[in-house]
Amino acid sequence: MAKIKKNVIALSFTSFFTDVSSEMIMVLLPLFLTALGAGKSLVGLVEGTADATASILKTFSGWISDKLHRRKPIVFAGYTLSTLAKPFVAIANNWLQVLSVRFVDRVGKGLRDAPRDALLADSSEVNGRGASFGFHRAMDTAGAVVGTLLASGLLFVFSRYFKMEILTQYRTVFWISVIPGVLSVLTLLLFVKETPSTKAEMIQPDPPTKSSFSRGFIQFLLVMSFFELANFSYALFLLRAADLGVIVAAIPIIYLVYNLTYSTFSLPVGQLSDRFGRKKVLVVGFSIFALMQLGFALATSAWQAWLLFVVYGLAVAIIETIPRAMVSDLVLPEVRGTAYGVYHTLVGIVTLPASAIAGLFWDIFGKINGPKIAFGYGFLVALMALLLFYFLVPERETLGN
């Protein structure tokens, strides 16, 4: 089995520290916004605007990294911008200021994600990309787990032993989150290197067009975009858990179970894709995801919710890891950054209406039948995506990369 390269390890630790920092803020941000007087619609506006910004930028940052033949400076700019934004959350006094900071933070994410994934692929052997992306996803999600635990632990200490006001507690956690953010930037600066393929082997790319990519990659993009209509926000799964009787105090714990499962399985499923082929493993992932959606539609008790969140974590470990490795199997090296940008942009854009559609079904059909219809919709879309993927998408193109 292919060895995970030093560059991949360094990039993974960069993402780990960034997610520790980001999750320390994200787990508290809705509470912070409401404490500042913002309504739920404004909370949705802040996050929706932030996510849309990141999605739109990813195609362009990937293309620029192809054009310049360099990934690291753009990745570095993205991580640095996000880290520089974090202290301004701590001093924000209204929702508009928070929106501005989140906008800058997501610009950073939009800049870094596509060239970072391209650099991960550049730094990996062809038969080791699954393991590389699996390790990266595992470290990224482990950072989210650590960040959540740190935020919760710090709030407990501040309230129990320092008797801080709630807003002061939030702001103090936000200030502390800057430390792992700085560590992520230093790790990237000191230990991540450009690869020969990004320096010398790539030809000058044209702006992204349909003709830049193989037919197999375009079919892959269409199928993955369709699948994302079933991959709605984890917030709806948490609401379903509460609906099934999981007590409010246990909701963060069930989300932690999901993240731990996701982190644990990301590397093994990536390694399996290197050994048995990406397509076979992703077909299994689609199948598990569809059955998980059906499970949430039919579940009737709290213990089933706990079991389903483990299955949810396993399914997401596959569908977040394998497609990232598969992108580089389906495109030429000289348009790899652009390809990752287009993939991330399309997936990010489709995720927004997916959650809205599922939520609308839930509201229209009421408390009893609503979740059955919403998650039944997710099951049907995932099943259709599975069939489309199996019949339309090749294992890999013969590209010499």
Protein backbone atom coordinates (compact mmCIF):
# COMPACT_ATOMS: atom_id res chain seq x y z
CA MET A 1 0.00 0.00 0.00
CA ALA A 2 1.34 3.42 -1.00
CA LYS A 3 3.05 5.48 1.69
CA ILE A 4 1.52 8.82 2.66
CA LYS A 5 3.98 11.54 1.65
CA LYS A 6 5.37 14.22 3.99
CA ASN A 7 3.66 16.97 2.02
CA VAL A 8 0.30 15.28 2.52
CA ILE A 9 0.94 14.94 6.25
CA ALA A 10 1.90 18.62 6.52
CA LEU A 11 -1.19 19.73 4.60
CA SER A 12 -3.34 17.50 6.79
CA PHE A 13 -1.96 19.04 9.99
CA THR A 14 -2.56 22.47 8.48
CA SER A 15 -6.22 21.54 8.01
CA PHE A 16 -6.35 19.99 11.49
CA PHE A 17 -5.23 23.18 13.22
CA THR A 18 -7.52 25.29 11.02
CA ASP A 19 -10.54 23.16 11.88
CA VAL A 20 -9.73 23.30 15.59
CA SER A 21 -9.70 27.08 15.29
CA SER A 22 -12.79 27.35 13.08
CA GLU A 23 -14.94 24.92 15.07
CA MET A 24 -14.20 26.76 18.31
CA ILE A 25 -15.97 29.69 16.66
CA MET A 26 -18.62 27.90 14.58
CA VAL A 27 -20.04 25.84 17.44
CA LEU A 28 -20.73 29.09 19.35
CA LEU A 29 -21.46 31.54 16.53
CA PRO A 30 -25.25 31.04 16.35
CA LEU A 31 -25.47 31.57 20.12
CA PHE A 32 -23.19 34.61 19.89
CA LEU A 33 -25.30 36.15 17.13
CA THR A 34 -28.55 35.66 19.04
CA ALA A 35 -26.90 37.12 22.16
CA LEU A 36 -26.09 40.19 20.04
CA GLY A 37 -29.79 40.43 19.15
CA ALA A 38 -29.87 38.76 15.73
CA GLY A 39 -32.89 36.68 14.75
CA LYS A 40 -32.73 33.18 13.28
CA SER A 41 -33.26 34.52 9.76
CA LEU A 42 -30.16 36.71 10.14
CA VAL A 43 -28.16 33.73 11.41
CA GLY A 44 -29.19 31.89 8.25
CA LEU A 45 -28.25 34.90 6.13
CA VAL A 46 -24.77 35.09 7.67
CA GLU A 47 -24.01 31.40 7.07
CA GLY A 48 -25.69 31.25 3.66
CA THR A 49 -23.75 34.25 2.40
CA ALA A 50 -20.50 32.87 3.79
CA ASP A 51 -20.93 29.44 2.19
CA ALA A 52 -22.00 30.86 -1.17
CA THR A 53 -18.92 33.10 -1.22
CA ALA A 54 -16.60 30.16 -0.66
CA SER A 55 -18.26 28.04 -3.35
CA ILE A 56 -18.12 30.70 -6.05
CA LEU A 57 -14.42 31.46 -5.51
CA LYS A 58 -13.17 27.88 -5.70
CA THR A 59 -13.24 27.53 -9.49
CA PHE A 60 -11.21 30.70 -9.96
CA SER A 61 -8.62 29.91 -7.29
CA GLY A 62 -8.09 26.46 -8.80
CA TRP A 63 -7.72 27.88 -12.29
CA ILE A 64 -5.26 30.54 -11.10
CA SER A 65 -3.12 27.86 -9.45
CA ASP A 66 -3.00 26.01 -12.79
CA LYS A 67 -2.17 29.18 -14.69
CA LEU A 68 0.64 30.20 -12.30
CA HIS A 69 1.95 26.61 -12.02
CA ARG A 70 2.02 27.17 -8.26
CA ARG A 71 -0.39 26.06 -5.54
CA LYS A 72 1.26 26.95 -2.24
CA PRO A 73 1.10 30.80 -2.43
CA ILE A 74 -2.67 30.70 -3.07
CA VAL A 75 -3.24 28.09 -0.35
CA PHE A 76 -1.11 30.17 2.03
CA ALA A 77 -3.08 33.33 1.19
CA GLY A 78 -6.35 31.52 1.89
CA TYR A 79 -5.34 30.11 5.26
CA THR A 80 -3.71 33.39 6.30
CA LEU A 81 -6.78 35.45 5.40
CA SER A 82 -9.05 33.17 7.44
CA THR A 83 -6.70 33.33 10.42
CA LEU A 84 -6.44 37.12 10.27
CA ALA A 85 -10.25 37.39 10.25
CA LYS A 86 -10.80 35.42 13.46
CA PRO A 87 -9.82 38.12 16.02
CA PHE A 88 -12.42 40.44 14.49
CA VAL A 89 -15.21 38.02 15.48
CA ALA A 90 -14.16 38.52 19.10
CA ILE A 91 -14.59 42.30 18.89
CA ALA A 92 -17.79 42.33 16.79
CA ASN A 93 -20.73 44.17 18.36
CA ASN A 94 -23.53 43.45 15.88
CA TRP A 95 -24.59 40.87 13.29
CA LEU A 96 -23.45 43.00 10.35
CA GLN A 97 -19.89 43.05 11.66
CA VAL A 98 -20.03 39.27 12.13
CA LEU A 99 -21.30 38.90 8.56
CA SER A 100 -18.35 40.97 7.30
CA VAL A 101 -15.85 38.83 9.20
CA ARG A 102 -17.45 35.57 8.04
CA PHE A 103 -17.36 36.88 4.48
CA VAL A 104 -13.58 37.46 4.73
CA ASP A 105 -13.09 34.08 6.40
CA ARG A 106 -15.00 32.31 3.60
CA VAL A 107 -13.05 34.21 0.95
CA GLY A 108 -10.01 32.58 2.53
CA LYS A 109 -11.66 29.15 2.31
CA GLY A 110 -12.67 29.80 -1.29
CA LEU A 111 -9.07 30.66 -2.14
CA ARG A 112 -7.45 27.66 -0.50
CA ASP A 113 -9.66 24.58 -1.01
CA ALA A 114 -9.23 23.83 -4.74
CA PRO A 115 -5.45 24.47 -4.98
CA ARG A 116 -4.96 22.60 -1.68
CA ASP A 117 -6.75 19.50 -3.02
CA ALA A 118 -4.78 19.80 -6.25
CA LEU A 119 -1.55 20.00 -4.22
CA LEU A 120 -2.62 16.91 -2.27
CA ALA A 121 -3.10 15.06 -5.56
CA ASP A 122 0.20 16.42 -6.94
CA SER A 123 1.95 15.16 -3.80
CA SER A 124 0.55 11.62 -4.00
CA GLU A 125 1.27 8.55 -6.07
CA VAL A 126 -1.55 7.58 -8.44
CA ASN A 127 -2.25 4.41 -6.46
CA GLY A 128 -2.07 6.28 -3.14
CA ARG A 129 -4.45 9.20 -3.65
CA GLY A 130 -7.28 7.50 -1.80
CA ALA A 131 -5.09 7.09 1.27
CA SER A 132 -3.84 10.67 0.96
CA PHE A 133 -7.31 12.19 0.77
CA GLY A 134 -8.56 9.80 3.44
CA PHE A 135 -5.80 10.86 5.83
CA HIS A 136 -6.50 14.52 5.08
CA ARG A 137 -10.26 14.15 5.70
CA ALA A 138 -9.55 12.24 8.92
CA MET A 139 -7.27 14.99 10.24
CA ASP A 140 -9.65 17.72 9.10
CA THR A 141 -12.58 16.11 10.93
CA ALA A 142 -10.45 15.33 13.99
CA GLY A 143 -9.78 19.07 14.17
CA ALA A 144 -13.53 19.69 14.24
CA VAL A 145 -13.89 17.23 17.11
CA VAL A 146 -11.07 18.81 19.11
CA GLY A 147 -12.36 22.32 18.42
CA THR A 148 -15.86 21.42 19.61
CA LEU A 149 -14.51 19.83 22.79
CA LEU A 150 -12.21 22.78 23.48
CA ALA A 151 -15.03 25.30 23.08
CA SER A 152 -17.32 23.32 25.36
CA GLY A 153 -14.59 22.80 27.95
CA LEU A 154 -13.58 26.45 27.97
CA LEU A 155 -17.19 27.59 28.42
CA PHE A 156 -17.55 25.21 31.36
CA VAL A 157 -14.38 26.55 33.00
CA PHE A 158 -15.27 30.20 32.37
CA SER A 159 -18.79 29.86 33.78
CA ARG A 160 -17.87 27.61 36.72
CA TYR A 161 -14.64 29.16 37.94
CA PHE A 162 -14.44 32.68 36.48
CA LYS A 163 -18.12 33.66 36.59
CA MET A 164 -17.83 35.51 33.27
CA GLU A 165 -20.83 37.01 31.52
CA ILE A 166 -21.93 34.88 28.57
CA LEU A 167 -20.80 37.32 25.86
CA THR A 168 -17.40 37.63 27.55
CA GLN A 169 -17.12 33.84 27.54
CA TYR A 170 -17.82 33.68 23.81
CA ARG A 171 -15.35 36.45 23.01
CA THR A 172 -12.61 34.83 25.11
CA VAL A 173 -13.04 31.51 23.28
CA PHE A 174 -12.83 33.39 19.96
CA TRP A 175 -9.56 35.02 21.02
CA ILE A 176 -8.09 31.66 22.05
CA SER A 177 -9.13 30.17 18.67
CA VAL A 178 -6.52 32.40 17.01
CA ILE A 179 -3.73 30.21 18.47
CA PRO A 180 -4.45 27.04 16.44
CA GLY A 181 -5.14 29.29 13.43
CA VAL A 182 -1.61 30.68 13.66
CA LEU A 183 -0.23 27.13 14.06
CA SER A 184 -1.97 26.11 10.83
CA VAL A 185 -0.35 28.95 8.87
CA LEU A 186 3.09 28.21 10.35
CA THR A 187 2.76 24.49 9.53
CA LEU A 188 1.91 25.35 5.93
CA LEU A 189 4.71 27.90 5.63
CA LEU A 190 7.44 25.74 7.14
CA PHE A 191 6.61 22.19 6.04
CA VAL A 192 4.52 22.24 2.84
CA LYS A 193 6.42 22.39 -0.44
CA GLU A 194 5.48 22.81 -4.08
CA THR A 195 5.72 19.61 -6.10
CA PRO A 196 7.61 19.10 -9.38
CA SER A 197 4.34 18.66 -11.30
CA THR A 198 3.13 22.10 -10.29
CA LYS A 199 6.50 23.71 -11.04
CA ALA A 200 7.57 22.17 -14.30
CA GLU A 201 5.30 19.55 -15.82
CA MET A 202 2.13 21.55 -16.37
CA ILE A 203 1.32 23.36 -19.60
CA GLN A 204 -0.34 26.76 -19.67
CA PRO A 205 -4.09 26.17 -19.22
CA ASP A 206 -6.88 28.03 -20.92
CA PRO A 207 -9.73 29.42 -18.85
CA PRO A 208 -12.03 26.61 -17.67
CA THR A 209 -14.35 25.40 -20.43
CA LYS A 210 -16.28 22.24 -21.09
CA SER A 211 -13.62 21.15 -23.60
CA SER A 212 -10.91 21.38 -20.93
CA PHE A 213 -12.22 18.19 -19.34
CA SER A 214 -12.84 14.62 -20.40
CA ARG A 215 -16.35 13.30 -21.00
CA GLY A 216 -15.98 11.03 -17.98
CA PHE A 217 -15.19 13.97 -15.70
CA ILE A 218 -18.17 15.99 -16.95
CA GLN A 219 -20.46 13.01 -16.31
CA PHE A 220 -18.89 12.64 -12.86
CA LEU A 221 -19.61 16.33 -12.10
CA LEU A 222 -23.24 16.03 -13.20
CA VAL A 223 -23.86 12.89 -11.15
CA MET A 224 -22.15 14.26 -8.04
CA SER A 225 -24.11 17.51 -8.34
CA PHE A 226 -27.34 15.54 -8.59
CA PHE A 227 -26.37 13.44 -5.56
CA GLU A 228 -25.82 16.60 -3.50
CA LEU A 229 -29.58 17.24 -3.69
CA ALA A 230 -29.84 14.37 -1.20
CA ASN A 231 -26.88 15.47 0.92
CA PHE A 232 -28.67 18.18 2.89
CA SER A 233 -27.35 19.90 6.00
CA TYR A 234 -26.48 17.92 9.13
CA ALA A 235 -28.74 20.38 11.00
CA LEU A 236 -31.80 18.54 9.64
CA PHE A 237 -30.38 15.22 10.87
CA LEU A 238 -29.89 16.76 14.32
CA LEU A 239 -33.49 18.00 14.29
CA ARG A 240 -34.61 14.50 13.35
CA ALA A 241 -32.62 13.07 16.28
CA ALA A 242 -34.42 15.46 18.64
CA ASP A 243 -37.71 14.51 16.98
CA LEU A 244 -36.96 10.83 17.74
CA GLY A 245 -36.44 11.58 21.44
CA VAL A 246 -32.73 12.36 21.81
CA ILE A 247 -32.61 14.90 24.65
CA VAL A 248 -31.34 18.41 23.88
CA ALA A 249 -28.29 18.02 26.14
CA ALA A 250 -27.22 14.96 24.11
CA ILE A 251 -27.50 16.61 20.69
CA PRO A 252 -23.86 17.89 20.74
CA ILE A 253 -22.75 14.39 21.78
CA ILE A 254 -24.57 12.66 18.92
CA TYR A 255 -22.97 15.19 16.54
CA LEU A 256 -19.61 14.30 18.11
CA VAL A 257 -20.33 10.61 17.45
CA TYR A 258 -20.93 11.47 13.78
CA ASN A 259 -17.62 13.38 13.52
CA LEU A 260 -15.65 10.66 15.31
CA THR A 261 -17.04 8.03 12.95
CA TYR A 262 -16.29 10.23 9.94
CA SER A 263 -12.72 10.80 11.13
CA THR A 264 -12.12 7.14 11.99
CA PHE A 265 -13.22 5.73 8.63
CA SER A 266 -11.86 8.34 6.22
CA LEU A 267 -8.36 6.84 5.91
CA PRO A 268 -9.47 3.17 5.69
CA VAL A 269 -12.04 3.88 2.94
CA GLY A 270 -9.42 5.88 1.02
CA GLN A 271 -7.02 2.95 1.26
CA LEU A 272 -9.76 0.57 0.10
CA SER A 273 -10.30 2.74 -2.99
CA ASP A 274 -6.59 2.50 -3.80
CA ARG A 275 -6.78 -1.28 -3.58
CA PHE A 276 -10.19 -2.11 -5.10
CA GLY A 277 -10.96 0.98 -7.19
CA ARG A 278 -12.68 4.28 -6.42
CA LYS A 279 -15.87 3.43 -8.29
CA LYS A 280 -16.58 0.26 -6.30
CA VAL A 281 -16.05 2.00 -2.95
CA LEU A 282 -18.13 5.03 -3.92
CA VAL A 283 -20.98 2.77 -5.09
CA VAL A 284 -20.92 1.24 -1.61
CA GLY A 285 -20.89 4.75 -0.12
CA PHE A 286 -23.94 5.82 -2.15
CA SER A 287 -25.72 2.63 -1.08
CA ILE A 288 -24.99 3.21 2.61
CA PHE A 289 -26.06 6.84 2.32
CA ALA A 290 -29.37 5.89 0.66
CA LEU A 291 -30.11 3.26 3.32
CA MET A 292 -29.21 5.74 6.05
CA GLN A 293 -31.72 8.25 4.61
CA LEU A 294 -34.36 5.53 4.53
CA GLY A 295 -33.50 4.68 8.13
CA PHE A 296 -34.06 8.27 9.25
CA ALA A 297 -37.38 8.29 7.38
CA LEU A 298 -38.63 5.11 9.10
CA ALA A 299 -37.00 5.42 12.54
CA THR A 300 -39.26 5.57 15.60
CA SER A 301 -36.99 5.78 18.67
CA ALA A 302 -33.92 7.54 20.10
CA TRP A 303 -31.63 4.47 20.07
CA GLN A 304 -32.17 4.19 16.33
CA ALA A 305 -31.05 7.81 15.93
CA TRP A 306 -27.76 7.02 17.68
CA LEU A 307 -27.15 4.03 15.41
CA LEU A 308 -28.07 6.02 12.31
CA PHE A 309 -25.61 8.79 13.18
CA VAL A 310 -22.82 6.19 13.18
CA VAL A 311 -23.99 5.03 9.73
CA TYR A 312 -24.22 8.71 8.67
CA GLY A 313 -20.59 9.27 9.67
CA LEU A 314 -19.45 6.19 7.71
CA ALA A 315 -21.40 7.25 4.61
CA VAL A 316 -20.02 10.79 4.66
CA ALA A 317 -16.47 9.48 5.19
CA ILE A 318 -16.84 7.71 1.83
CA ILE A 319 -18.68 10.40 -0.15
CA GLU A 320 -16.37 13.20 1.06
CA THR A 321 -13.11 11.28 0.56
CA ILE A 322 -13.44 9.19 -2.60
CA PRO A 323 -14.73 11.88 -5.01
CA ARG A 324 -11.77 14.12 -4.12
CA ALA A 325 -9.36 11.35 -5.06
CA MET A 326 -11.42 10.49 -8.15
CA VAL A 327 -11.23 14.02 -9.58
CA SER A 328 -7.51 13.65 -10.18
CA ASP A 329 -8.08 10.26 -11.85
CA LEU A 330 -10.38 11.86 -14.44
CA VAL A 331 -8.45 15.00 -15.51
CA LEU A 332 -5.02 15.95 -16.83
CA PRO A 333 -2.49 17.39 -14.34
CA GLU A 334 -2.43 20.79 -16.07
CA VAL A 335 -6.12 21.43 -15.28
CA ARG A 336 -6.21 19.67 -11.92
CA GLY A 337 -6.63 22.87 -9.88
CA THR A 338 -9.44 24.06 -12.15
CA ALA A 339 -11.13 20.67 -11.93
CA TYR A 340 -11.11 20.72 -8.12
CA GLY A 341 -12.45 24.27 -8.20
CA VAL A 342 -15.35 23.36 -10.50
CA TYR A 343 -16.13 20.28 -8.40
CA HIS A 344 -16.19 22.22 -5.12
CA THR A 345 -18.20 25.08 -6.64
CA LEU A 346 -20.93 22.85 -8.06
CA VAL A 347 -21.20 20.74 -4.91
CA GLY A 348 -21.33 23.86 -2.73
CA ILE A 349 -24.00 25.56 -4.81
CA VAL A 350 -26.30 22.51 -4.93
CA THR A 351 -26.06 21.96 -1.17
CA LEU A 352 -28.01 25.19 -0.51
CA PRO A 353 -31.25 24.25 -2.34
CA ALA A 354 -30.95 20.64 -1.10
CA SER A 355 -31.47 21.71 2.52
CA ALA A 356 -34.23 24.12 1.53
CA ILE A 357 -36.14 21.41 -0.37
CA ALA A 358 -35.89 18.90 2.48
CA GLY A 359 -36.91 21.53 5.04
CA LEU A 360 -39.86 22.58 2.88
CA PHE A 361 -41.10 18.99 2.64
CA TRP A 362 -40.84 18.70 6.42
CA ASP A 363 -42.84 21.89 6.98
CA ILE A 364 -45.52 21.15 4.37
CA PHE A 365 -46.29 17.60 5.50
CA GLY A 366 -46.18 18.31 9.23
CA LYS A 367 -44.60 16.79 12.31
CA ILE A 368 -45.74 13.20 11.71
CA ASN A 369 -45.30 12.73 7.96
CA GLY A 370 -42.87 15.59 7.28
CA PRO A 371 -39.66 13.79 8.28
CA LYS A 372 -40.76 10.65 6.44
CA ILE A 373 -41.25 12.65 3.23
CA ALA A 374 -38.05 14.73 3.67
CA PHE A 375 -35.77 11.77 4.31
CA GLY A 376 -37.70 9.59 1.86
CA TYR A 377 -36.88 12.25 -0.75
CA GLY A 378 -33.21 11.97 0.26
CA PHE A 379 -33.37 8.19 -0.13
CA LEU A 380 -34.86 8.36 -3.64
CA VAL A 381 -32.38 10.98 -4.90
CA ALA A 382 -29.41 9.06 -3.46
CA LEU A 383 -30.69 5.84 -5.06
CA MET A 384 -31.09 7.53 -8.46
CA ALA A 385 -27.59 9.04 -8.13
CA LEU A 386 -26.21 5.58 -7.37
CA LEU A 387 -27.69 4.17 -10.59
CA LEU A 388 -26.49 7.14 -12.67
CA PHE A 389 -23.00 6.89 -11.21
CA TYR A 390 -22.77 3.14 -11.81
CA PHE A 391 -23.79 3.35 -15.48
CA LEU A 392 -22.33 6.72 -16.56
CA VAL A 393 -19.08 7.38 -14.70
CA PRO A 394 -15.85 5.52 -15.60
CA GLU A 395 -13.40 4.28 -12.99
CA ARG A 396 -10.67 6.54 -14.42
CA GLU A 397 -9.63 8.08 -17.71
CA THR A 398 -6.40 7.05 -19.47
CA LEU A 399 -4.62 10.34 -18.90
CA GLY A 400 -1.09 9.43 -17.91
CA ASN A 401 -1.31 11.23 -14.57
